[in-house]
Protein backbone atom coordinates (compact mmCIF):
# COMPACT_ATOMS: atom_id res chain seq x y z
CA MET A 1 176.33 7.49 -41.03
CA LEU A 2 173.19 6.94 -43.12
CA ALA A 3 171.91 4.29 -40.72
CA HIS A 4 172.28 6.72 -37.83
CA LEU A 5 170.51 9.49 -39.75
CA GLU A 6 167.65 7.13 -40.54
CA ARG A 7 167.25 6.30 -36.86
CA LEU A 8 167.40 10.00 -36.02
CA ILE A 9 164.62 10.78 -38.50
CA GLU A 10 162.48 7.86 -37.32
CA ALA A 11 162.80 8.65 -33.59
CA ARG A 12 159.51 9.82 -32.10
CA THR A 13 160.52 11.09 -28.66
CA VAL A 14 163.12 13.49 -27.32
CA GLU A 15 164.42 10.66 -25.14
CA ASP A 16 165.14 8.47 -28.16
CA ILE A 17 166.77 11.29 -30.11
CA TRP A 18 168.95 12.26 -27.16
CA ALA A 19 170.04 8.67 -26.47
CA LEU A 20 171.04 8.23 -30.11
CA HIS A 21 173.02 11.45 -30.04
CA CYS A 22 174.85 10.70 -26.79
CA ASP A 23 175.91 7.31 -28.12
CA ARG A 24 177.07 8.79 -31.41
CA MET A 25 179.08 11.60 -29.82
CA ALA A 26 180.73 9.12 -27.44
CA ASP A 27 182.05 7.34 -30.53
CA TYR A 28 183.96 10.53 -31.36
CA GLY A 29 185.28 10.89 -27.80
CA PHE A 30 182.67 13.28 -26.38
CA ASP A 31 180.99 11.40 -23.54
CA ARG A 32 179.45 14.33 -21.61
CA LEU A 33 177.02 16.64 -23.35
CA LEU A 34 175.00 19.66 -22.24
CA TYR A 35 172.28 20.94 -24.59
CA GLY A 36 170.03 23.93 -24.05
CA PHE A 37 167.25 25.48 -26.10
CA THR A 38 164.94 28.40 -25.35
CA ARG A 39 162.32 30.32 -27.29
CA PHE A 40 162.20 33.09 -24.70
CA ARG A 41 165.54 34.81 -25.09
CA THR A 42 165.76 38.54 -24.49
CA ALA A 43 168.49 41.06 -25.14
CA HIS A 44 170.01 40.43 -21.71
CA SER A 45 169.11 36.86 -20.74
CA PHE A 46 167.99 33.43 -21.91
CA GLY A 47 164.68 33.85 -20.09
CA ASN A 48 163.46 31.78 -17.16
CA ILE A 49 165.40 28.53 -16.89
CA GLU A 50 162.11 26.75 -16.15
CA ASP A 51 161.06 27.54 -19.73
CA THR A 52 164.30 26.16 -21.16
CA LEU A 53 164.77 22.67 -22.54
CA ILE A 54 167.92 21.22 -20.99
CA LEU A 55 169.34 17.81 -21.85
CA SER A 56 172.54 16.45 -20.33
CA ASN A 57 174.35 13.30 -19.28
CA HIS A 58 176.75 15.14 -16.96
CA HIS A 59 176.91 14.11 -13.31
CA PRO A 60 173.79 15.33 -11.44
CA ASP A 61 175.94 17.09 -8.82
CA TYR A 62 177.64 19.14 -11.51
CA LEU A 63 174.32 20.05 -13.12
CA ARG A 64 172.88 21.19 -9.81
CA ALA A 65 175.90 23.41 -9.19
CA PHE A 66 175.99 24.71 -12.76
CA LEU A 67 172.29 25.26 -13.39
CA ASP A 68 170.35 25.70 -10.17
CA GLY A 69 172.39 28.60 -8.87
CA GLY A 70 172.42 30.40 -12.20
CA ILE A 71 176.19 30.11 -12.49
CA PHE A 72 175.75 28.99 -16.10
CA ASN A 73 174.99 32.62 -17.00
CA HIS A 74 178.66 33.40 -16.31
CA ALA A 75 180.15 30.48 -18.26
CA PRO A 76 182.55 31.79 -20.93
CA MET A 77 181.28 29.37 -23.58
CA VAL A 78 177.69 30.33 -22.80
CA ARG A 79 178.69 33.95 -23.39
CA TRP A 80 180.30 32.93 -26.66
CA ALA A 81 177.23 30.94 -27.75
CA ALA A 82 174.93 33.88 -26.99
CA ASP A 83 176.87 36.16 -29.33
CA ASN A 84 177.93 33.76 -32.08
CA GLN A 85 176.91 30.94 -34.40
CA GLY A 86 178.95 27.92 -35.44
CA ALA A 87 181.54 25.84 -33.59
CA CYS A 88 184.15 27.04 -31.12
CA SER A 89 187.06 25.21 -29.52
CA TRP A 90 187.36 25.42 -25.75
CA ARG A 91 190.90 26.61 -26.42
CA TRP A 92 189.24 30.01 -26.79
CA VAL A 93 188.58 30.00 -23.04
CA GLU A 94 192.24 29.27 -22.36
CA GLN A 95 193.21 32.17 -24.59
CA GLN A 96 190.76 34.48 -22.82
CA ALA A 97 192.13 33.41 -19.44
CA HIS A 98 195.75 33.91 -20.45
CA ALA A 99 194.87 37.36 -21.78
CA GLY A 100 193.23 38.26 -18.47
CA LYS A 101 189.84 38.75 -20.12
CA LEU A 102 187.78 36.46 -17.86
CA THR A 103 185.72 38.05 -15.11
CA GLN A 104 185.86 36.76 -11.55
CA ALA A 105 182.49 35.05 -12.07
CA GLU A 106 183.77 33.38 -15.24
CA ARG A 107 186.88 32.15 -13.43
CA LYS A 108 184.64 30.56 -10.77
CA VAL A 109 182.84 28.67 -13.52
CA GLN A 110 186.17 27.39 -14.78
CA GLU A 111 187.09 26.26 -11.26
CA LEU A 112 183.79 24.36 -11.02
CA ASN A 113 184.43 22.72 -14.38
CA LEU A 114 187.90 21.60 -13.37
CA ARG A 115 186.55 20.05 -10.16
CA TYR A 116 184.35 17.83 -12.29
CA GLY A 117 186.98 16.98 -14.89
CA ILE A 118 185.52 19.24 -17.57
CA ARG A 119 188.67 20.36 -19.34
CA ALA A 120 188.53 19.84 -23.10
CA GLY A 121 185.85 20.07 -25.73
CA TYR A 122 183.94 22.08 -28.30
CA SER A 123 180.75 24.13 -28.22
CA ILE A 124 178.25 24.64 -31.01
CA SER A 125 175.81 27.55 -31.22
CA PHE A 126 173.00 26.87 -33.67
CA PRO A 127 171.52 29.42 -36.10
CA GLU A 128 167.87 30.24 -35.37
CA GLN A 129 165.08 31.77 -37.46
CA SER A 130 163.67 33.68 -34.48
CA GLY A 131 165.49 36.37 -32.54
CA ARG A 132 163.90 34.99 -29.36
CA ALA A 133 165.25 31.46 -29.88
CA LYS A 134 168.71 30.12 -29.06
CA GLY A 135 170.06 26.60 -28.99
CA ALA A 136 173.57 25.44 -28.16
CA ILE A 137 175.45 22.35 -27.04
CA GLY A 138 178.69 21.76 -25.17
CA LEU A 139 180.65 18.63 -26.11
CA CYS A 140 182.98 17.59 -23.30
CA ALA A 141 185.78 15.15 -24.14
CA ARG A 142 186.17 12.01 -22.06
CA GLU A 143 188.64 11.84 -19.20
CA GLY A 144 192.19 11.41 -20.44
CA LEU A 145 191.76 13.56 -23.55
CA PHE A 146 193.29 17.02 -23.65
CA GLN A 147 192.45 19.97 -25.84
CA HIS A 148 195.14 19.13 -28.38
CA ASP A 149 193.55 15.67 -28.71
CA VAL A 150 190.17 17.30 -29.28
CA GLU A 151 191.65 19.54 -31.98
CA GLU A 152 192.87 16.43 -33.80
CA ILE A 153 189.41 14.85 -33.53
CA TRP A 154 187.84 18.01 -34.89
CA GLN A 155 190.34 18.23 -37.70
CA SER A 156 189.36 14.73 -38.82
CA HIS A 157 185.64 14.67 -38.04
CA GLY A 158 184.57 18.24 -37.31
CA ARG A 159 182.23 18.56 -40.29
CA GLU A 160 180.45 15.32 -39.44
CA ILE A 161 180.13 16.27 -35.77
CA PHE A 162 178.77 19.72 -36.62
CA VAL A 163 176.18 18.35 -39.05
CA LEU A 164 175.06 15.61 -36.65
CA ASN A 165 174.62 18.11 -33.83
CA THR A 166 172.73 20.55 -36.04
CA LEU A 167 170.35 17.87 -37.32
CA THR A 168 169.79 16.62 -33.77
CA HIS A 169 168.99 20.17 -32.67
CA LEU A 170 166.49 20.57 -35.51
CA ARG A 171 164.76 17.33 -34.55
CA ILE A 172 164.66 18.10 -30.82
CA SER A 173 163.48 21.69 -31.27
CA SER A 174 160.55 20.47 -33.38
CA MET A 175 159.36 18.07 -30.68
CA PRO A 176 156.96 18.80 -27.78
CA PHE A 177 158.96 21.00 -25.42
CA ALA A 178 160.14 19.52 -22.11
CA THR A 179 160.77 21.92 -19.25
CA ALA A 180 160.86 21.88 -15.46
CA ARG A 181 157.29 23.16 -15.34
CA ARG A 182 154.25 20.94 -14.82
CA ALA A 183 153.14 19.41 -18.11
CA LEU A 184 149.75 20.25 -19.56
CA THR A 185 147.08 17.58 -19.25
CA SER A 186 145.25 16.33 -22.34
CA ARG A 187 142.18 18.37 -21.34
CA GLN A 188 144.24 21.53 -20.88
CA ARG A 189 145.85 21.04 -24.29
CA GLU A 190 142.48 20.49 -25.92
CA VAL A 191 140.86 23.63 -24.51
CA LEU A 192 143.87 25.71 -25.57
CA GLU A 193 143.65 24.23 -29.07
CA TRP A 194 139.99 25.23 -29.34
CA VAL A 195 140.84 28.74 -28.14
CA GLY A 196 143.53 28.84 -30.80
CA ASP A 197 140.85 27.92 -33.34
CA GLY A 198 138.85 30.97 -32.30
CA LYS A 199 136.20 29.22 -30.20
CA THR A 200 134.59 30.91 -27.19
CA THR A 201 134.35 29.30 -23.78
CA ALA A 202 130.69 28.51 -24.47
CA ASP A 203 131.59 26.95 -27.84
CA ILE A 204 134.28 24.79 -26.23
CA ALA A 205 131.88 23.61 -23.53
CA ILE A 206 129.43 22.38 -26.19
CA ILE A 207 132.14 20.77 -28.34
CA MET A 208 133.77 18.94 -25.41
CA GLY A 209 130.53 18.14 -23.60
CA LEU A 210 131.57 20.05 -20.49
CA THR A 211 130.16 22.88 -18.46
CA VAL A 212 131.45 26.40 -18.99
CA ALA A 213 132.80 26.35 -15.43
CA THR A 214 134.81 23.20 -16.17
CA VAL A 215 136.26 24.71 -19.34
CA GLU A 216 137.24 27.83 -17.40
CA LYS A 217 138.88 25.61 -14.77
CA HIS A 218 140.99 23.84 -17.41
CA LEU A 219 142.01 27.19 -18.90
CA ARG A 220 142.98 28.52 -15.48
CA LEU A 221 145.08 25.43 -14.73
CA ALA A 222 146.73 25.70 -18.14
CA ARG A 223 147.67 29.33 -17.43
CA GLU A 224 149.11 28.30 -14.07
CA ALA A 225 151.10 25.42 -15.59
CA LEU A 226 152.56 27.74 -18.22
CA ASP A 227 153.08 30.60 -15.74
CA VAL A 228 151.22 33.21 -17.78
CA ASP A 229 148.46 35.70 -16.97
CA THR A 230 146.10 35.40 -19.92
CA THR A 231 144.69 32.61 -22.06
CA ALA A 232 146.09 34.26 -25.20
CA GLN A 233 149.56 34.11 -23.65
CA ALA A 234 148.97 30.46 -22.76
CA VAL A 235 148.07 29.58 -26.35
CA LEU A 236 151.15 31.39 -27.66
CA LYS A 237 153.51 29.82 -25.13
CA ALA A 238 152.10 26.31 -25.60
CA SER A 239 152.48 26.76 -29.35
CA PHE A 240 156.10 27.91 -28.94
CA GLN A 241 156.80 24.79 -26.89
CA ASN A 242 155.01 22.46 -29.33
CA GLN A 243 152.60 21.35 -26.62
CA ILE A 244 149.40 21.75 -28.63
CA PHE A 245 148.15 20.47 -31.99
CA LEU A 246 150.23 17.32 -31.60
CA SER A 247 150.08 14.38 -33.97
CA SER A 248 148.82 11.11 -32.53
CA SER A 249 152.36 9.69 -32.48
CA GLN A 250 153.79 12.52 -30.38
CA GLU A 251 154.03 12.49 -26.61
CA VAL A 252 154.47 15.45 -24.30
CA PRO A 253 157.66 14.88 -22.27
CA VAL A 254 157.78 15.83 -18.61
CA GLY A 255 160.58 17.65 -16.81
CA ILE A 256 164.16 18.56 -17.47
CA ARG A 257 166.37 15.60 -18.31
CA ARG A 258 169.58 15.57 -16.30
């Protein structure tokens, strides 16, 4: 356990952290994971999926069906994660179904899951300091395991699994944010950082040795990449996603990992 935690702490990219976590969870019998994290949650949604960090080793066909059409918004465990914190057995979904409490849209999600062999597992909804943030992960048990097998695994190792997932979430959420949007270039990051320091466009041009027009171009492209209207919004959003003021050892990841 300590050796794994040391590697988790030392990892410098989201890719490395995620690979470590997938391998570790597979040791417990969970070989398909789906992690999501957003800083743009509202009272009625998780925000634009393009602003959400999504990591998964599920089959690409399943992810396309689950994510691209927005069907994930109707997943029973997503509903649970939105309203709760902690760990929840997927037996809860069975209980909801037997009680007739699943909507038609939720039943369609269950049908999709069954087509891809997603039958047994646990979900974890992480506590957040911000009301706009929400992170959660679904741990799907490998083929051949049933929910009663998962309950036995959780009985024996649930505390370890919960702690490992929580620490992994804390590490990932502190890293430069990877989304489906176009990544900022180094120039775009730098001009946003200078704006964040209170510099004017003219100041930035002198500091960076550029023309004012070039600085304005980089700011415009940064706003477009972040899908915001103003430079102030761009600075705030880039800060939320840990895309500016990076240490020299950090890299900005590109794209959703599926």
